Amino acid sequence: MKNKKNRYRAVVTAGVLCAAVFGAGPILKLLAAEETSEMEQEIMDGIVRVSDLVLPPLEEYEVPSMGVIVSPPESLIERMEQKKVAMFLNEAVLDDDSGIQYSYLSWNILTEEQWNAEIDLMEDDYSDWERSLDHIGIVGVYQAELTEQLDELTGCDEHQELGESADGKCKYYLSINTEADEELTAEVHQVCTTITEMEESGLFSDADAAAPKFEGASLGEFTMQDINGQTWTQEMFQDYELTMVNIFTTWCSPCVAEIPELEELRRSMADQGVNVVGVVMDILDENGEINQESLEKAKLLAERTGVQYPFLIPDAAYMNGRLTGIEAFPETFFVDKNGNIVGETYSGSGSLEEWKAVVEKELANLKEGA
């Protein structure tokens, strides 16, 4: 079974990690452990590499919070593959978390120094940093009252209206920086944008209702390797009342940001029989082969966060089919000691406190059903 090809569905969590990761606050809401290594402390302090924030070059990007499907031309994709152009998502939510202020995908020219830079987002605002980049062009959606501020918000000076949201509250624009290279701006002009229905997304939104239902199904027998080459089977579940299986990718910023939270969850709830397992979906390429770059990135991520739970690589059967058909990352489900899927499936990321509440609910339901 192959990974879904050339498709990216951005998952941002309003009020949890949306504002923090893509908007007006620090990128990481991380809990500092009592003892941390220097590398772990960098993560705790909100230090991230610019290269980790760059979106992968794909033929299609579906961003439900924006309500768009964006398809760049082949020439622009090639420049992204060659790291001549970098693509980012920037998003800010309303103060009451009822929706977005604005959200946009931007194409930018980065110097080698900028590409390899680290950002301390506990001190610097992600939106301010992203707007400081040398933008080529942007596809974005904005609250209608913000349209007079597009030059300031986008760093561009030419704006073409593409449409509006179904309720008329938000407007869509293609914005161009006319001072950028003409060949590059011409390629951004060729970006195909399809306006769809703007959706909520995240752990505690109505999007959960659309998640596939697997409750009661058995994962069956499987054999998987982790990123360090250790072998794991369905027996991993036997010693725990409840295991959280967190499916993520190394390029998904909300996924990466919540990993230290999940490690703290594992430590704090171990005495209640709770465990956590990660599955890294982007280590296998479309041909089912190991992507060495993604594997090394996952190893570095595990090292930097000090995580003690395993990062598994999907097996050829994709955990007997459970790992197929996933359109949003991260996705999380729960397994009992008998290897049966229990409770709900959750799309999106959450804070430590919110995940604790979810786990406690799932534990209580498990005991009631025993």
Protein backbone atom coordinates (compact mmCIF):
# COMPACT_ATOMS: atom_id res chain seq x y z
CA MET A 1 0.00 0.00 0.00
CA LYS A 2 1.41 3.39 -0.96
CA ASN A 3 1.19 6.72 0.81
CA LYS A 4 -1.33 9.13 -0.65
CA LYS A 5 0.66 11.00 -3.30
CA ASN A 6 1.08 14.72 -3.84
CA ARG A 7 -1.52 15.91 -1.35
CA TYR A 8 -1.14 17.98 1.81
CA ARG A 9 -3.99 18.74 4.16
CA ALA A 10 -2.85 21.34 6.65
CA VAL A 11 -4.16 20.74 10.14
CA VAL A 12 -4.18 23.73 12.45
CA THR A 13 -5.87 23.85 15.81
CA ALA A 14 -7.73 27.03 16.71
CA GLY A 15 -7.02 28.07 20.27
CA VAL A 16 -4.61 25.19 20.85
CA LEU A 17 -1.74 25.31 18.39
CA CYS A 18 -3.16 27.30 15.50
CA ALA A 19 -2.38 30.67 17.04
CA ALA A 20 0.83 29.34 18.47
CA VAL A 21 2.20 27.53 15.46
CA PHE A 22 0.99 29.62 12.55
CA GLY A 23 -0.23 32.82 14.12
CA ALA A 24 0.34 35.51 16.62
CA GLY A 25 1.94 33.60 19.47
CA PRO A 26 4.95 31.42 20.29
CA ILE A 27 5.28 28.40 18.05
CA LEU A 28 5.71 25.90 20.86
CA LYS A 29 3.59 25.53 23.99
CA LEU A 30 6.01 23.09 25.56
CA LEU A 31 6.31 21.85 29.09
CA ALA A 32 9.81 22.03 30.56
CA ALA A 33 10.90 18.85 32.29
CA GLU A 34 12.74 19.03 35.61
CA GLU A 35 15.96 17.96 33.90
CA THR A 36 16.60 18.62 30.23
CA SER A 37 19.56 18.35 27.92
CA GLU A 38 20.83 21.38 26.05
CA MET A 39 19.15 20.17 22.85
CA GLU A 40 15.88 19.45 24.64
CA GLN A 41 15.98 22.88 26.24
CA GLU A 42 16.19 24.48 22.80
CA ILE A 43 12.88 22.82 21.95
CA MET A 44 11.39 23.84 25.32
CA ASP A 45 12.48 27.42 24.68
CA GLY A 46 10.64 27.49 21.36
CA ILE A 47 13.67 27.34 19.08
CA VAL A 48 12.89 25.91 15.66
CA ARG A 49 14.79 25.60 12.41
CA VAL A 50 13.43 27.50 9.43
CA SER A 51 13.94 24.41 7.27
CA ASP A 52 11.48 22.52 9.53
CA LEU A 53 8.76 25.08 8.77
CA VAL A 54 9.05 24.91 4.98
CA LEU A 55 6.15 23.05 3.33
CA PRO A 56 7.10 20.11 1.10
CA PRO A 57 6.89 20.56 -2.68
CA LEU A 58 3.63 18.93 -3.80
CA GLU A 59 1.23 19.13 -6.70
CA GLU A 60 -1.74 20.01 -4.49
CA TYR A 61 -2.27 21.60 -1.08
CA GLU A 62 -5.68 21.37 0.59
CA VAL A 63 -5.98 23.74 3.54
CA PRO A 64 -9.43 23.31 5.14
CA SER A 65 -9.02 26.20 7.58
CA MET A 66 -8.52 28.49 4.56
CA GLY A 67 -11.13 26.76 2.44
CA VAL A 68 -8.81 26.38 -0.55
CA ILE A 69 -7.11 23.81 -2.72
CA VAL A 70 -3.93 25.27 -4.22
CA SER A 71 -2.01 23.74 -7.14
CA PRO A 72 1.32 25.38 -8.07
CA PRO A 73 2.65 25.08 -11.64
CA GLU A 74 5.29 22.44 -12.30
CA SER A 75 8.01 25.07 -12.71
CA LEU A 76 7.34 26.46 -9.23
CA ILE A 77 7.31 22.96 -7.72
CA GLU A 78 10.72 22.32 -9.29
CA ARG A 79 12.10 25.49 -7.70
CA MET A 80 10.77 24.32 -4.33
CA GLU A 81 12.42 20.92 -4.82
CA GLN A 82 15.70 22.69 -5.59
CA LYS A 83 15.24 24.88 -2.48
CA LYS A 84 15.32 28.00 -4.63
CA VAL A 85 11.84 28.92 -3.37
CA ALA A 86 10.42 28.22 0.10
CA MET A 87 6.70 27.91 0.86
CA PHE A 88 5.16 28.69 4.25
CA LEU A 89 1.74 28.76 5.88
CA ASN A 90 0.93 31.75 8.06
CA GLU A 91 -2.32 31.97 10.03
CA ALA A 92 -3.77 34.05 12.85
CA VAL A 93 -7.04 33.43 14.66
CA LEU A 94 -9.61 35.84 16.05
CA ASP A 95 -9.31 36.74 19.73
CA ASP A 96 -12.31 34.58 20.63
CA ASP A 97 -11.00 31.63 18.57
CA SER A 98 -14.21 31.67 16.52
CA GLY A 99 -12.35 31.75 13.22
CA ILE A 100 -9.33 33.06 11.41
CA GLN A 101 -8.24 36.67 11.05
CA TYR A 102 -6.24 35.69 8.02
CA SER A 103 -4.48 32.68 6.57
CA TYR A 104 -2.17 32.46 3.60
CA LEU A 105 0.32 30.35 1.70
CA SER A 106 3.41 32.28 0.64
CA TRP A 107 6.26 31.64 -1.79
CA ASN A 108 9.54 33.26 -0.80
CA ILE A 109 13.20 33.67 -1.71
CA LEU A 110 15.43 32.69 1.21
CA THR A 111 19.13 33.26 1.50
CA GLU A 112 21.25 30.31 2.62
CA GLU A 113 21.60 32.01 6.00
CA GLN A 114 17.83 32.38 6.33
CA TRP A 115 17.23 28.77 5.23
CA ASN A 116 19.56 27.40 7.94
CA ALA A 117 18.57 29.89 10.63
CA GLU A 118 16.96 29.04 13.96
CA ILE A 119 14.13 31.15 15.33
CA ASP A 120 13.39 31.73 18.99
CA LEU A 121 9.61 32.04 18.78
CA MET A 122 9.18 32.51 22.50
CA GLU A 123 10.69 35.94 21.83
CA ASP A 124 9.76 36.59 18.21
CA ASP A 125 6.30 36.53 16.67
CA TYR A 126 6.05 33.99 13.85
CA SER A 127 3.82 36.27 11.79
CA ASP A 128 6.25 39.17 12.09
CA TRP A 129 9.14 36.90 11.12
CA GLU A 130 7.27 35.40 8.16
CA ARG A 131 6.23 38.85 6.88
CA SER A 132 9.88 39.95 7.01
CA LEU A 133 10.77 37.44 4.28
CA ASP A 134 11.26 38.37 0.64
CA HIS A 135 7.83 37.32 -0.64
CA ILE A 136 7.24 36.51 -4.29
CA GLY A 137 3.51 36.00 -4.02
CA ILE A 138 0.74 34.82 -1.73
CA VAL A 139 -2.64 33.09 -1.88
CA GLY A 140 -4.65 34.09 1.17
CA VAL A 141 -8.00 34.60 2.85
CA TYR A 142 -8.73 37.56 5.12
CA GLN A 143 -11.54 38.94 7.24
CA ALA A 144 -13.28 41.50 5.03
CA GLU A 145 -12.32 44.42 7.28
CA LEU A 146 -8.61 43.56 6.83
CA THR A 147 -8.56 43.96 3.07
CA GLU A 148 -7.38 47.57 3.38
CA GLN A 149 -4.28 46.24 5.16
CA LEU A 150 -3.18 43.70 2.55
CA ASP A 151 0.08 45.50 1.73
CA GLU A 152 1.11 45.37 5.37
CA LEU A 153 -0.10 41.82 6.01
CA THR A 154 1.41 40.28 2.89
CA GLY A 155 4.46 42.35 2.01
CA CYS A 156 3.01 42.54 -1.52
CA ASP A 157 1.71 45.53 -3.44
CA GLU A 158 -0.57 44.02 -6.10
CA HIS A 159 -3.75 42.17 -5.09
CA GLN A 160 -6.26 40.30 -7.23
CA GLU A 161 -9.53 39.30 -5.58
CA LEU A 162 -10.33 35.63 -6.15
CA GLY A 163 -13.67 35.34 -4.35
CA GLU A 164 -15.22 35.26 -0.91
CA SER A 165 -16.33 32.76 1.71
CA ALA A 166 -19.88 31.39 1.67
CA ASP A 167 -20.92 33.69 4.53
CA GLY A 168 -19.30 36.72 2.93
CA LYS A 169 -17.15 37.45 5.98
CA CYS A 170 -13.82 36.60 4.34
CA LYS A 171 -12.27 37.48 0.98
CA TYR A 172 -9.64 35.58 -1.03
CA TYR A 173 -6.75 37.27 -2.82
CA LEU A 174 -3.74 36.46 -4.95
CA SER A 175 -1.06 38.95 -3.93
CA ILE A 176 2.14 39.67 -5.85
CA ASN A 177 5.32 41.52 -4.88
CA THR A 178 5.99 43.50 -8.06
CA GLU A 179 9.58 44.13 -6.93
CA ALA A 180 10.36 40.41 -7.00
CA ASP A 181 11.86 38.59 -9.98
CA GLU A 182 9.41 38.80 -12.90
CA GLU A 183 9.92 35.15 -13.89
CA LEU A 184 9.04 34.03 -10.36
CA THR A 185 6.00 36.29 -10.03
CA ALA A 186 4.78 34.99 -13.39
CA GLU A 187 4.92 31.45 -11.98
CA VAL A 188 2.91 32.48 -8.91
CA HIS A 189 0.34 33.99 -11.28
CA GLN A 190 -0.06 30.47 -12.70
CA VAL A 191 -1.00 28.99 -9.29
CA CYS A 192 -4.47 27.42 -9.55
CA THR A 193 -6.69 28.21 -6.57
CA THR A 194 -10.01 26.46 -5.94
CA ILE A 195 -12.17 27.95 -3.18
CA THR A 196 -13.92 25.30 -1.08
CA GLU A 197 -15.89 25.37 2.15
CA MET A 198 -13.92 26.82 5.04
CA GLU A 199 -13.77 24.26 7.83
CA GLU A 200 -12.86 24.12 11.45
CA SER A 201 -10.11 21.65 12.16
CA GLY A 202 -8.24 20.33 15.14
CA LEU A 203 -8.61 18.11 18.15
CA PHE A 204 -11.75 19.63 19.64
CA SER A 205 -13.72 20.72 16.58
CA ASP A 206 -16.64 19.33 14.63
CA ALA A 207 -14.11 17.82 12.21
CA ASP A 208 -13.83 14.89 14.62
CA ALA A 209 -17.33 13.80 13.67
CA ALA A 210 -16.12 13.11 10.13
CA ALA A 211 -13.18 10.96 11.27
CA PRO A 212 -13.39 7.29 10.25
CA LYS A 213 -14.82 4.99 12.93
CA PHE A 214 -12.66 2.00 13.82
CA GLU A 215 -13.86 1.33 17.37
CA GLY A 216 -14.02 -2.38 18.16
CA ALA A 217 -11.75 -3.42 15.28
CA SER A 218 -8.64 -5.46 16.05
CA LEU A 219 -5.28 -4.35 14.73
CA GLY A 220 -4.38 -8.02 14.36
CA GLU A 221 -0.80 -9.23 14.03
CA PHE A 222 1.92 -7.00 12.60
CA THR A 223 5.67 -6.47 12.72
CA MET A 224 7.12 -2.96 12.49
CA GLN A 225 10.54 -1.39 12.90
CA ASP A 226 11.17 1.83 14.77
CA ILE A 227 13.55 4.54 13.56
CA ASN A 228 16.43 2.86 15.43
CA GLY A 229 15.84 -0.57 13.90
CA GLN A 230 14.14 -2.19 16.90
CA THR A 231 11.29 -4.60 16.09
CA TRP A 232 7.81 -4.16 17.53
CA THR A 233 4.69 -6.32 17.22
CA GLN A 234 1.11 -6.24 18.49
CA GLU A 235 2.51 -7.48 21.81
CA MET A 236 3.52 -3.89 22.58
CA PHE A 237 -0.03 -3.28 23.80
CA GLN A 238 -0.23 -6.15 26.32
CA ASP A 239 1.42 -4.38 29.27
CA TYR A 240 -0.83 -1.30 29.18
CA GLU A 241 -4.50 -0.63 29.78
CA LEU A 242 -4.54 1.99 27.04
CA THR A 243 -2.05 2.96 24.34
CA MET A 244 -2.24 6.22 22.41
CA VAL A 245 -1.13 5.79 18.79
CA ASN A 246 -0.11 9.16 17.37
CA ILE A 247 0.26 9.27 13.56
CA PHE A 248 2.38 12.17 12.33
CA THR A 249 4.89 13.46 9.79
CA THR A 250 8.18 15.25 10.35
CA TRP A 251 7.09 18.19 8.16
CA CYS A 252 3.88 18.85 10.10
CA SER A 253 4.61 21.66 12.57
CA PRO A 254 1.61 20.98 14.89
CA CYS A 255 2.66 17.31 14.95
CA VAL A 256 6.22 18.16 15.94
CA ALA A 257 5.17 20.79 18.47
CA GLU A 258 3.02 18.41 20.51
CA ILE A 259 5.59 15.58 20.81
CA PRO A 260 7.10 16.86 24.10
CA GLU A 261 3.53 17.20 25.41
CA LEU A 262 2.83 13.55 24.53
CA GLU A 263 6.06 12.44 26.22
CA GLU A 264 5.02 14.30 29.37
CA LEU A 265 1.60 12.67 29.10
CA ARG A 266 3.24 9.23 28.92
CA ARG A 267 5.40 9.94 31.98
CA SER A 268 2.61 11.43 34.07
CA MET A 269 0.04 8.70 33.30
CA ALA A 270 2.28 5.62 33.23
CA ASP A 271 1.08 4.57 36.67
CA GLN A 272 -2.46 4.44 35.27
CA GLY A 273 -1.39 1.98 32.58
CA VAL A 274 -1.14 4.50 29.75
CA ASN A 275 1.47 4.35 26.99
CA VAL A 276 2.19 6.35 23.83
CA VAL A 277 3.43 5.14 20.43
CA GLY A 278 4.29 7.34 17.44
CA VAL A 279 4.02 6.37 13.77
CA VAL A 280 6.05 8.49 11.30
CA MET A 281 4.22 8.41 7.98
CA ASP A 282 6.65 10.32 5.75
CA ILE A 283 9.59 7.94 6.23
CA LEU A 284 8.22 5.70 3.49
CA ASP A 285 8.13 7.23 0.01
CA GLU A 286 5.44 6.60 -2.62
CA ASN A 287 7.22 3.38 -3.64
CA GLY A 288 7.31 2.02 -0.09
CA GLU A 289 11.06 2.70 0.20
CA ILE A 290 12.80 4.33 3.16
CA ASN A 291 13.35 8.06 2.69
CA GLN A 292 16.72 8.54 4.37
CA GLU A 293 16.30 12.29 4.77
CA SER A 294 12.99 11.87 6.61
CA LEU A 295 14.44 9.03 8.69
CA GLU A 296 17.36 11.18 9.84
CA LYS A 297 14.97 14.04 10.53
CA ALA A 298 12.85 11.75 12.72
CA LYS A 299 15.95 10.58 14.60
CA LEU A 300 17.00 14.18 15.20
CA LEU A 301 13.49 15.03 16.36
CA ALA A 302 13.54 12.15 18.86
CA GLU A 303 16.96 13.23 20.09
CA ARG A 304 16.09 16.89 20.45
CA THR A 305 12.83 16.25 22.30
CA GLY A 306 14.20 13.46 24.49
CA VAL A 307 11.12 11.37 23.72
CA GLN A 308 11.16 7.88 25.25
CA TYR A 309 8.30 6.28 23.32
CA PRO A 310 9.03 4.62 19.95
CA PHE A 311 8.68 6.25 16.54
CA LEU A 312 7.48 3.41 14.30
CA ILE A 313 7.89 3.14 10.53
CA PRO A 314 4.77 1.83 8.71
CA ASP A 315 5.05 -1.78 7.62
CA ALA A 316 4.12 -3.03 4.13
CA ALA A 317 0.52 -3.69 5.24
CA TYR A 318 0.24 -0.30 6.97
CA MET A 319 -0.70 -1.87 10.30
CA ASN A 320 -3.27 -4.09 8.60
CA GLY A 321 -4.78 -1.12 6.80
CA ARG A 322 -5.35 1.15 9.82
CA LEU A 323 -2.76 3.67 8.60
CA THR A 324 -4.34 4.10 5.15
CA GLY A 325 -6.75 6.81 4.05
CA ILE A 326 -5.41 9.42 6.48
CA GLU A 327 -5.92 12.90 5.07
CA ALA A 328 -4.99 15.04 8.08
CA PHE A 329 -2.03 15.01 10.43
CA PRO A 330 -1.67 14.42 13.26
CA GLU A 331 -4.26 11.70 13.79
CA THR A 332 -4.57 9.79 17.06
CA PHE A 333 -6.41 6.65 18.09
CA PHE A 334 -6.36 4.35 21.13
CA VAL A 335 -5.75 0.62 21.58
CA ASP A 336 -6.49 -1.63 24.57
CA LYS A 337 -4.24 -4.39 25.94
CA ASN A 338 -5.84 -6.92 23.58
CA GLY A 339 -4.92 -4.94 20.48
CA ASN A 340 -8.47 -3.67 19.86
CA ILE A 341 -9.11 -0.11 18.73
CA VAL A 342 -11.20 1.64 21.39
CA GLY A 343 -12.79 5.04 21.76
CA GLU A 344 -12.73 7.86 19.25
CA THR A 345 -10.31 8.91 16.52
CA TYR A 346 -8.93 12.44 16.96
CA SER A 347 -7.70 14.71 14.16
CA GLY A 348 -5.35 17.52 15.10
CA SER A 349 -3.04 18.36 17.97
CA GLY A 350 -3.74 19.28 21.58
CA SER A 351 -2.14 20.58 24.74
CA LEU A 352 -1.02 18.37 27.61
CA GLU A 353 -4.09 19.27 29.68
CA GLU A 354 -6.48 18.57 26.83
CA TRP A 355 -4.88 15.23 26.00
CA LYS A 356 -5.03 14.25 29.68
CA ALA A 357 -8.76 14.94 29.68
CA VAL A 358 -9.18 12.81 26.54
CA VAL A 359 -7.16 9.91 27.96
CA GLU A 360 -9.02 10.01 31.26
CA LYS A 361 -12.32 9.90 29.34
CA GLU A 362 -11.17 6.98 27.21
CA LEU A 363 -9.90 5.12 30.30
CA ALA A 364 -13.22 5.61 32.07
CA ASN A 365 -15.16 4.39 29.04
CA LEU A 366 -12.87 1.37 28.78
CA LYS A 367 -13.50 0.41 32.41
CA GLU A 368 -17.25 0.87 32.03
CA GLY A 369 -17.26 -1.44 29.05
CA ALA A 370 -15.16 -4.13 30.72
